[in-house]
Amino acid sequence: MNNVNLLNQARLENDLESLGCLDAAEELIEKMIEHVFYIDVAERIIVQTLTVINNVNAKIQATFNVLEKEDTETDEKNVEFEGISYSE
């Protein structure tokens, strides 16, 4: 079974909290893990979810960077959160 490590989860949560939609973090992380599970090489991925920001429906997009594997002996994958964007 693959293990996915989000190296800077606190930054993702902080960015979402500043927008007032911290509750979207869990769904974005779950979607990221689903995508990363099938990736064997370093790659940038974007996942999105719908949420409400200031009583307005919004689409949140989070960009993650799957890092190159340093240890080929394990199935562990390291991922860095790069940033978020949103549109109403």
PDB file of N, CA and C in Angstrom:
ATOM      1  N   MET A   1       0.845  -1.189   0.000  1.00  0.00           N
ATOM      2  CA  MET A   1       0.000   0.000   0.000  1.00  0.00           C
ATOM      3  C   MET A   1       0.887   1.248   0.000  1.00  0.00           C
ATOM      4  N   ASN A   2       0.522   2.205  -0.820  1.00  0.00           N
ATOM      5  CA  ASN A   2       1.298   3.441  -0.912  1.00  0.00           C
ATOM      6  C   ASN A   2       0.994   4.357   0.258  1.00  0.00           C
ATOM      7  N   ASN A   3       2.017   5.072   0.691  1.00  0.00           N
ATOM      8  CA  ASN A   3       1.877   6.043   1.757  1.00  0.00           C
ATOM      9  C   ASN A   3       2.179   7.412   1.177  1.00  0.00           C
ATOM     10  N   VAL A   4       1.257   8.357   1.346  1.00  0.00           N
ATOM     11  CA  VAL A   4       1.425   9.704   0.808  1.00  0.00           C
ATOM     12  C   VAL A   4       1.625  10.660   1.974  1.00  0.00           C
ATOM     13  N   ASN A   5       2.734  11.409   1.932  1.00  0.00           N
ATOM     14  CA  ASN A   5       3.051  12.393   2.971  1.00  0.00           C
ATOM     15  C   ASN A   5       2.894  13.797   2.400  1.00  0.00           C
ATOM     16  N   LEU A   6       1.956  14.560   2.943  1.00  0.00           N
ATOM     17  CA  LEU A   6       1.822  15.968   2.581  1.00  0.00           C
ATOM     18  C   LEU A   6       2.749  16.732   3.508  1.00  0.00           C
ATOM     19  N   LEU A   7       3.864  17.213   2.968  1.00  0.00           N
ATOM     20  CA  LEU A   7       4.928  17.777   3.783  1.00  0.00           C
ATOM     21  C   LEU A   7       4.563  19.105   4.444  1.00  0.00           C
ATOM     22  N   ASN A   8       3.706  19.872   3.825  1.00  0.00           N
ATOM     23  CA  ASN A   8       3.371  21.193   4.378  1.00  0.00           C
ATOM     24  C   ASN A   8       1.855  21.379   4.509  1.00  0.00           C
ATOM     25  N   GLN A   9       1.209  20.432   5.142  1.00  0.00           N
ATOM     26  CA  GLN A   9      -0.242  20.471   5.327  1.00  0.00           C
ATOM     27  C   GLN A   9      -0.677  21.719   6.093  1.00  0.00           C
ATOM     28  N   ALA A  10       0.130  22.169   7.033  1.00  0.00           N
ATOM     29  CA  ALA A  10      -0.222  23.359   7.815  1.00  0.00           C
ATOM     30  C   ALA A  10      -0.367  24.589   6.911  1.00  0.00           C
ATOM     31  N   ARG A  11       0.448  24.690   5.881  1.00  0.00           N
ATOM     32  CA  ARG A  11       0.350  25.826   4.957  1.00  0.00           C
ATOM     33  C   ARG A  11      -0.956  25.776   4.173  1.00  0.00           C
ATOM     34  N   LEU A  12      -1.332  24.589   3.706  1.00  0.00           N
ATOM     35  CA  LEU A  12      -2.612  24.432   3.016  1.00  0.00           C
ATOM     36  C   LEU A  12      -3.751  24.861   3.927  1.00  0.00           C
ATOM     37  N   GLU A  13      -3.748  24.362   5.150  1.00  0.00           N
ATOM     38  CA  GLU A  13      -4.810  24.696   6.091  1.00  0.00           C
ATOM     39  C   GLU A  13      -4.830  26.186   6.411  1.00  0.00           C
ATOM     40  N   ASN A  14      -3.664  26.800   6.541  1.00  0.00           N
ATOM     41  CA  ASN A  14      -3.581  28.236   6.817  1.00  0.00           C
ATOM     42  C   ASN A  14      -4.147  29.043   5.648  1.00  0.00           C
ATOM     43  N   ASP A  15      -3.783  28.659   4.416  1.00  0.00           N
ATOM     44  CA  ASP A  15      -4.290  29.370   3.237  1.00  0.00           C
ATOM     45  C   ASP A  15      -5.809  29.249   3.132  1.00  0.00           C
ATOM     46  N   LEU A  16      -6.337  28.050   3.395  1.00  0.00           N
ATOM     47  CA  LEU A  16      -7.784  27.859   3.341  1.00  0.00           C
ATOM     48  C   LEU A  16      -8.485  28.616   4.464  1.00  0.00           C
ATOM     49  N   GLU A  17      -7.888  28.618   5.647  1.00  0.00           N
ATOM     50  CA  GLU A  17      -8.473  29.333   6.781  1.00  0.00           C
ATOM     51  C   GLU A  17      -8.544  30.834   6.487  1.00  0.00           C
ATOM     52  N   SER A  18      -7.534  31.372   5.810  1.00  0.00           N
ATOM     53  CA  SER A  18      -7.543  32.802   5.492  1.00  0.00           C
ATOM     54  C   SER A  18      -8.670  33.151   4.518  1.00  0.00           C
ATOM     55  N   LEU A  19      -9.123  32.171   3.731  1.00  0.00           N
ATOM     56  CA  LEU A  19     -10.260  32.393   2.830  1.00  0.00           C
ATOM     57  C   LEU A  19     -11.596  32.120   3.515  1.00  0.00           C
ATOM     58  N   GLY A  20     -11.529  31.525   4.704  1.00  0.00           N
ATOM     59  CA  GLY A  20     -12.750  31.195   5.428  1.00  0.00           C
ATOM     60  C   GLY A  20     -13.354  29.869   5.014  1.00  0.00           C
ATOM     61  N   CYS A  21     -12.530  28.957   4.486  1.00  0.00           N
ATOM     62  CA  CYS A  21     -13.065  27.662   4.043  1.00  0.00           C
ATOM     63  C   CYS A  21     -12.149  26.509   4.452  1.00  0.00           C
ATOM     64  N   LEU A  22     -11.716  26.521   5.691  1.00  0.00           N
ATOM     65  CA  LEU A  22     -10.846  25.464   6.207  1.00  0.00           C
ATOM     66  C   LEU A  22     -11.469  24.088   6.049  1.00  0.00           C
ATOM     67  N   ASP A  23     -12.805  24.022   6.072  1.00  0.00           N
ATOM     68  CA  ASP A  23     -13.493  22.742   5.945  1.00  0.00           C
ATOM     69  C   ASP A  23     -13.220  22.042   4.611  1.00  0.00           C
ATOM     70  N   ALA A  24     -12.700  22.747   3.616  1.00  0.00           N
ATOM     71  CA  ALA A  24     -12.394  22.152   2.315  1.00  0.00           C
ATOM     72  C   ALA A  24     -11.072  21.376   2.329  1.00  0.00           C
ATOM     73  N   ALA A  25     -10.272  21.539   3.371  1.00  0.00           N
ATOM     74  CA  ALA A  25      -8.943  20.914   3.419  1.00  0.00           C
ATOM     75  C   ALA A  25      -9.017  19.400   3.305  1.00  0.00           C
ATOM     76  N   GLU A  26      -9.880  18.777   4.077  1.00  0.00           N
ATOM     77  CA  GLU A  26      -9.954  17.319   4.080  1.00  0.00           C
ATOM     78  C   GLU A  26     -10.307  16.774   2.700  1.00  0.00           C
ATOM     79  N   GLU A  27     -11.272  17.392   2.039  1.00  0.00           N
ATOM     80  CA  GLU A  27     -11.673  16.922   0.712  1.00  0.00           C
ATOM     81  C   GLU A  27     -10.551  17.113  -0.310  1.00  0.00           C
ATOM     82  N   LEU A  28      -9.866  18.254  -0.262  1.00  0.00           N
ATOM     83  CA  LEU A  28      -8.752  18.481  -1.194  1.00  0.00           C
ATOM     84  C   LEU A  28      -7.632  17.465  -0.965  1.00  0.00           C
ATOM     85  N   ILE A  29      -7.330  17.188   0.283  1.00  0.00           N
ATOM     86  CA  ILE A  29      -6.269  16.214   0.591  1.00  0.00           C
ATOM     87  C   ILE A  29      -6.675  14.820   0.120  1.00  0.00           C
ATOM     88  N   GLU A  30      -7.921  14.435   0.348  1.00  0.00           N
ATOM     89  CA  GLU A  30      -8.385  13.124  -0.111  1.00  0.00           C
ATOM     90  C   GLU A  30      -8.286  12.999  -1.626  1.00  0.00           C
ATOM     91  N   LYS A  31      -8.694  14.034  -2.347  1.00  0.00           N
ATOM     92  CA  LYS A  31      -8.614  14.007  -3.810  1.00  0.00           C
ATOM     93  C   LYS A  31      -7.162  13.953  -4.271  1.00  0.00           C
ATOM     94  N   MET A  32      -6.280  14.696  -3.604  1.00  0.00           N
ATOM     95  CA  MET A  32      -4.861  14.672  -3.952  1.00  0.00           C
ATOM     96  C   MET A  32      -4.305  13.268  -3.778  1.00  0.00           C
ATOM     97  N   ILE A  33      -4.630  12.621  -2.661  1.00  0.00           N
ATOM     98  CA  ILE A  33      -4.124  11.277  -2.409  1.00  0.00           C
ATOM     99  C   ILE A  33      -4.630  10.297  -3.469  1.00  0.00           C
ATOM    100  N   GLU A  34      -5.891  10.432  -3.872  1.00  0.00           N
ATOM    101  CA  GLU A  34      -6.434   9.570  -4.927  1.00  0.00           C
ATOM    102  C   GLU A  34      -5.616   9.697  -6.208  1.00  0.00           C
ATOM    103  N   HIS A  35      -5.246  10.921  -6.581  1.00  0.00           N
ATOM    104  CA  HIS A  35      -4.461  11.132  -7.803  1.00  0.00           C
ATOM    105  C   HIS A  35      -3.032  10.633  -7.637  1.00  0.00           C
ATOM    106  N   VAL A  36      -2.415  10.934  -6.519  1.00  0.00           N
ATOM    107  CA  VAL A  36      -1.013  10.576  -6.279  1.00  0.00           C
ATOM    108  C   VAL A  36      -0.833   9.064  -6.248  1.00  0.00           C
ATOM    109  N   PHE A  37      -1.836   8.364  -5.805  1.00  0.00           N
ATOM    110  CA  PHE A  37      -1.775   6.902  -5.709  1.00  0.00           C
ATOM    111  C   PHE A  37      -1.366   6.274  -7.045  1.00  0.00           C
ATOM    112  N   TYR A  38      -1.784   6.868  -8.159  1.00  0.00           N
ATOM    113  CA  TYR A  38      -1.528   6.301  -9.490  1.00  0.00           C
ATOM    114  C   TYR A  38      -0.330   6.910 -10.204  1.00  0.00           C
ATOM    115  N   ILE A  39       0.400   7.805  -9.560  1.00  0.00           N
ATOM    116  CA  ILE A  39       1.527   8.487 -10.189  1.00  0.00           C
ATOM    117  C   ILE A  39       2.831   7.825  -9.761  1.00  0.00           C
ATOM    118  N   ASP A  40       3.685   7.537 -10.744  1.00  0.00           N
ATOM    119  CA  ASP A  40       4.975   6.917 -10.440  1.00  0.00           C
ATOM    120  C   ASP A  40       6.148   7.882 -10.585  1.00  0.00           C
ATOM    121  N   VAL A  41       5.921   9.027 -11.175  1.00  0.00           N
ATOM    122  CA  VAL A  41       7.005   9.986 -11.407  1.00  0.00           C
ATOM    123  C   VAL A  41       6.659  11.320 -10.756  1.00  0.00           C
ATOM    124  N   ALA A  42       7.652  12.178 -10.643  1.00  0.00           N
ATOM    125  CA  ALA A  42       7.411  13.524 -10.111  1.00  0.00           C
ATOM    126  C   ALA A  42       6.469  14.254 -11.071  1.00  0.00           C
ATOM    127  N   GLU A  43       5.462  14.883 -10.506  1.00  0.00           N
ATOM    128  CA  GLU A  43       4.452  15.517 -11.340  1.00  0.00           C
ATOM    129  C   GLU A  43       3.698  16.563 -10.530  1.00  0.00           C
ATOM    130  N   ARG A  44       3.188  17.568 -11.201  1.00  0.00           N
ATOM    131  CA  ARG A  44       2.347  18.590 -10.565  1.00  0.00           C
ATOM    132  C   ARG A  44       0.893  18.217 -10.848  1.00  0.00           C
ATOM    133  N   ILE A  45       0.061  18.272  -9.809  1.00  0.00           N
ATOM    134  CA  ILE A  45      -1.354  17.965  -9.994  1.00  0.00           C
ATOM    135  C   ILE A  45      -2.204  19.088  -9.409  1.00  0.00           C
ATOM    136  N   ILE A  46      -3.403  19.211  -9.954  1.00  0.00           N
ATOM    137  CA  ILE A  46      -4.362  20.199  -9.473  1.00  0.00           C
ATOM    138  C   ILE A  46      -5.643  19.456  -9.128  1.00  0.00           C
ATOM    139  N   VAL A  47      -6.150  19.698  -7.932  1.00  0.00           N
ATOM    140  CA  VAL A  47      -7.437  19.142  -7.529  1.00  0.00           C
ATOM    141  C   VAL A  47      -8.354  20.296  -7.172  1.00  0.00           C
ATOM    142  N   GLN A  48      -9.648  20.056  -7.300  1.00  0.00           N
ATOM    143  CA  GLN A  48     -10.586  21.129  -7.001  1.00  0.00           C
ATOM    144  C   GLN A  48     -11.799  20.601  -6.261  1.00  0.00           C
ATOM    145  N   THR A  49     -12.465  21.523  -5.595  1.00  0.00           N
ATOM    146  CA  THR A  49     -13.689  21.207  -4.871  1.00  0.00           C
ATOM    147  C   THR A  49     -14.562  22.443  -4.847  1.00  0.00           C
ATOM    148  N   LEU A  50     -15.821  22.231  -4.607  1.00  0.00           N
ATOM    149  CA  LEU A  50     -16.757  23.335  -4.458  1.00  0.00           C
ATOM    150  C   LEU A  50     -16.990  23.583  -2.977  1.00  0.00           C
ATOM    151  N   THR A  51     -17.083  24.853  -2.612  1.00  0.00           N
ATOM    152  CA  THR A  51     -17.304  25.232  -1.219  1.00  0.00           C
ATOM    153  C   THR A  51     -18.033  26.568  -1.185  1.00  0.00           C
ATOM    154  N   VAL A  52     -18.243  27.077  -0.003  1.00  0.00           N
ATOM    155  CA  VAL A  52     -18.881  28.382   0.160  1.00  0.00           C
ATOM    156  C   VAL A  52     -17.899  29.320   0.854  1.00  0.00           C
ATOM    157  N   ILE A  53     -17.678  30.480   0.242  1.00  0.00           N
ATOM    158  CA  ILE A  53     -16.812  31.507   0.816  1.00  0.00           C
ATOM    159  C   ILE A  53     -17.637  32.779   0.931  1.00  0.00           C
ATOM    160  N   ASN A  54     -17.770  33.288   2.143  1.00  0.00           N
ATOM    161  CA  ASN A  54     -18.552  34.502   2.399  1.00  0.00           C
ATOM    162  C   ASN A  54     -19.965  34.391   1.815  1.00  0.00           C
ATOM    163  N   ASN A  55     -20.607  33.253   2.062  1.00  0.00           N
ATOM    164  CA  ASN A  55     -21.978  32.992   1.609  1.00  0.00           C
ATOM    165  C   ASN A  55     -22.128  32.955   0.091  1.00  0.00           C
ATOM    166  N   VAL A  56     -21.030  32.714  -0.618  1.00  0.00           N
ATOM    167  CA  VAL A  56     -21.061  32.618  -2.073  1.00  0.00           C
ATOM    168  C   VAL A  56     -20.427  31.288  -2.473  1.00  0.00           C
ATOM    169  N   ASN A  57     -21.063  30.584  -3.409  1.00  0.00           N
ATOM    170  CA  ASN A  57     -20.481  29.347  -3.911  1.00  0.00           C
ATOM    171  C   ASN A  57     -19.169  29.654  -4.632  1.00  0.00           C
ATOM    172  N   ALA A  58     -18.154  28.844  -4.375  1.00  0.00           N
ATOM    173  CA  ALA A  58     -16.843  29.068  -4.975  1.00  0.00           C
ATOM    174  C   ALA A  58     -16.192  27.733  -5.325  1.00  0.00           C
ATOM    175  N   LYS A  59     -15.335  27.772  -6.335  1.00  0.00           N
ATOM    176  CA  LYS A  59     -14.548  26.602  -6.717  1.00  0.00           C
ATOM    177  C   LYS A  59     -13.115  26.849  -6.252  1.00  0.00           C
ATOM    178  N   ILE A  60     -12.611  25.952  -5.420  1.00  0.00           N
ATOM    179  CA  ILE A  60     -11.238  26.034  -4.913  1.00  0.00           C
ATOM    180  C   ILE A  60     -10.372  25.068  -5.701  1.00  0.00           C
ATOM    181  N   GLN A  61      -9.242  25.541  -6.172  1.00  0.00           N
ATOM    182  CA  GLN A  61      -8.252  24.691  -6.837  1.00  0.00           C
ATOM    183  C   GLN A  61      -6.974  24.715  -6.024  1.00  0.00           C
ATOM    184  N   ALA A  62      -6.457  23.546  -5.730  1.00  0.00           N
ATOM    185  CA  ALA A  62      -5.196  23.437  -4.999  1.00  0.00           C
ATOM    186  C   ALA A  62      -4.183  22.741  -5.890  1.00  0.00           C
ATOM    187  N   THR A  63      -2.977  23.293  -5.921  1.00  0.00           N
ATOM    188  CA  THR A  63      -1.896  22.716  -6.716  1.00  0.00           C
ATOM    189  C   THR A  63      -0.906  22.033  -5.793  1.00  0.00           C
ATOM    190  N   PHE A  64      -0.545  20.807  -6.155  1.00  0.00           N
ATOM    191  CA  PHE A  64       0.400  20.006  -5.380  1.00  0.00           C
ATOM    192  C   PHE A  64       1.519  19.541  -6.299  1.00  0.00           C
ATOM    193  N   ASN A  65       2.697  19.372  -5.736  1.00  0.00           N
ATOM    194  CA  ASN A  65       3.846  18.888  -6.482  1.00  0.00           C
ATOM    195  C   ASN A  65       4.277  17.554  -5.882  1.00  0.00           C
ATOM    196  N   VAL A  66       4.182  16.484  -6.690  1.00  0.00           N
ATOM    197  CA  VAL A  66       4.634  15.172  -6.248  1.00  0.00           C
ATOM    198  C   VAL A  66       6.145  15.153  -6.445  1.00  0.00           C
ATOM    199  N   LEU A  67       6.877  14.974  -5.370  1.00  0.00           N
ATOM    200  CA  LEU A  67       8.334  15.042  -5.422  1.00  0.00           C
ATOM    201  C   LEU A  67       8.930  13.744  -5.943  1.00  0.00           C
ATOM    202  N   GLU A  68      10.096  13.873  -6.531  1.00  0.00           N
ATOM    203  CA  GLU A  68      10.813  12.709  -7.024  1.00  0.00           C
ATOM    204  C   GLU A  68      11.164  11.802  -5.853  1.00  0.00           C
ATOM    205  N   LYS A  69      10.997  10.520  -6.061  1.00  0.00           N
ATOM    206  CA  LYS A  69      11.272   9.561  -4.991  1.00  0.00           C
ATOM    207  C   LYS A  69      12.771   9.461  -4.745  1.00  0.00           C
ATOM    208  N   GLU A  70      13.149   9.640  -3.492  1.00  0.00           N
ATOM    209  CA  GLU A  70      14.560   9.514  -3.114  1.00  0.00           C
ATOM    210  C   GLU A  70      14.900   8.082  -2.737  1.00  0.00           C
ATOM    211  N   ASP A  71      13.913   7.368  -2.197  1.00  0.00           N
ATOM    212  CA  ASP A  71      14.123   6.000  -1.750  1.00  0.00           C
ATOM    213  C   ASP A  71      13.261   5.076  -2.596  1.00  0.00           C
ATOM    214  N   THR A  72      13.881   4.363  -3.515  1.00  0.00           N
ATOM    215  CA  THR A  72      13.129   3.487  -4.405  1.00  0.00           C
ATOM    216  C   THR A  72      12.712   2.192  -3.725  1.00  0.00           C
ATOM    217  N   GLU A  73      13.147   1.978  -2.508  1.00  0.00           N
ATOM    218  CA  GLU A  73      12.808   0.759  -1.773  1.00  0.00           C
ATOM    219  C   GLU A  73      11.411   0.814  -1.152  1.00  0.00           C
ATOM    220  N   THR A  74      10.859   2.010  -0.985  1.00  0.00           N
ATOM    221  CA  THR A  74       9.544   2.140  -0.349  1.00  0.00           C
ATOM    222  C   THR A  74       8.523   2.664  -1.343  1.00  0.00           C
ATOM    223  N   ASP A  75       7.265   2.517  -0.989  1.00  0.00           N
ATOM    224  CA  ASP A  75       6.174   3.062  -1.797  1.00  0.00           C
ATOM    225  C   ASP A  75       5.768   4.448  -1.322  1.00  0.00           C
ATOM    226  N   GLU A  76       6.535   5.014  -0.399  1.00  0.00           N
ATOM    227  CA  GLU A  76       6.210   6.308   0.178  1.00  0.00           C
ATOM    228  C   GLU A  76       6.394   7.414  -0.858  1.00  0.00           C
ATOM    229  N   LYS A  77       5.387   8.308  -0.931  1.00  0.00           N
ATOM    230  CA  LYS A  77       5.445   9.443  -1.855  1.00  0.00           C
ATOM    231  C   LYS A  77       5.313  10.727  -1.057  1.00  0.00           C
ATOM    232  N   ASN A  78       6.198  11.673  -1.327  1.00  0.00           N
ATOM    233  CA  ASN A  78       6.160  12.974  -0.669  1.00  0.00           C
ATOM    234  C   ASN A  78       5.549  13.996  -1.613  1.00  0.00           C
ATOM    235  N   VAL A  79       4.668  14.813  -1.059  1.00  0.00           N
ATOM    236  CA  VAL A  79       3.941  15.809  -1.842  1.00  0.00           C
ATOM    237  C   VAL A  79       4.045  17.141  -1.124  1.00  0.00           C
ATOM    238  N   GLU A  80       4.234  18.203  -1.908  1.00  0.00           N
ATOM    239  CA  GLU A  80       4.234  19.559  -1.359  1.00  0.00           C
ATOM    240  C   GLU A  80       3.039  20.322  -1.903  1.00  0.00           C
ATOM    241  N   PHE A  81       2.374  21.042  -1.024  1.00  0.00           N
ATOM    242  CA  PHE A  81       1.310  21.955  -1.430  1.00  0.00           C
ATOM    243  C   PHE A  81       1.967  23.204  -1.999  1.00  0.00           C
ATOM    244  N   GLU A  82       1.514  23.647  -3.177  1.00  0.00           N
ATOM    245  CA  GLU A  82       2.100  24.827  -3.805  1.00  0.00           C
ATOM    246  C   GLU A  82       1.236  26.078  -3.641  1.00  0.00           C
ATOM    247  N   GLY A  83      -0.063  25.942  -3.777  1.00  0.00           N
ATOM    248  CA  GLY A  83      -0.907  27.123  -3.661  1.00  0.00           C
ATOM    249  C   GLY A  83      -2.355  26.827  -3.996  1.00  0.00           C
ATOM    250  N   ILE A  84      -3.211  27.800  -3.710  1.00  0.00           N
ATOM    251  CA  ILE A  84      -4.627  27.664  -4.015  1.00  0.00           C
ATOM    252  C   ILE A  84      -5.107  28.863  -4.805  1.00  0.00           C
ATOM    253  N   SER A  85      -6.171  28.645  -5.530  1.00  0.00           N
ATOM    254  CA  SER A  85      -6.866  29.740  -6.193  1.00  0.00           C
ATOM    255  C   SER A  85      -8.352  29.438  -6.085  1.00  0.00           C
ATOM    256  N   TYR A  86      -9.155  30.458  -6.233  1.00  0.00           N
ATOM    257  CA  TYR A  86     -10.589  30.209  -6.186  1.00  0.00           C
ATOM    258  C   TYR A  86     -11.310  31.163  -7.129  1.00  0.00           C
ATOM    259  N   SER A  87     -12.485  30.726  -7.550  1.00  0.00           N
ATOM    260  CA  SER A  87     -13.334  31.567  -8.388  1.00  0.00           C
ATOM    261  C   SER A  87     -14.767  31.390  -7.920  1.00  0.00           C
ATOM    262  N   GLU A  88     -15.524  32.439  -8.065  1.00  0.00           N
ATOM    263  CA  GLU A  88     -16.932  32.401  -7.634  1.00  0.00           C
ATOM    264  C   GLU A  88     -17.808  32.106  -8.827  1.00  0.00           C
TER     265      GLU A  88
END
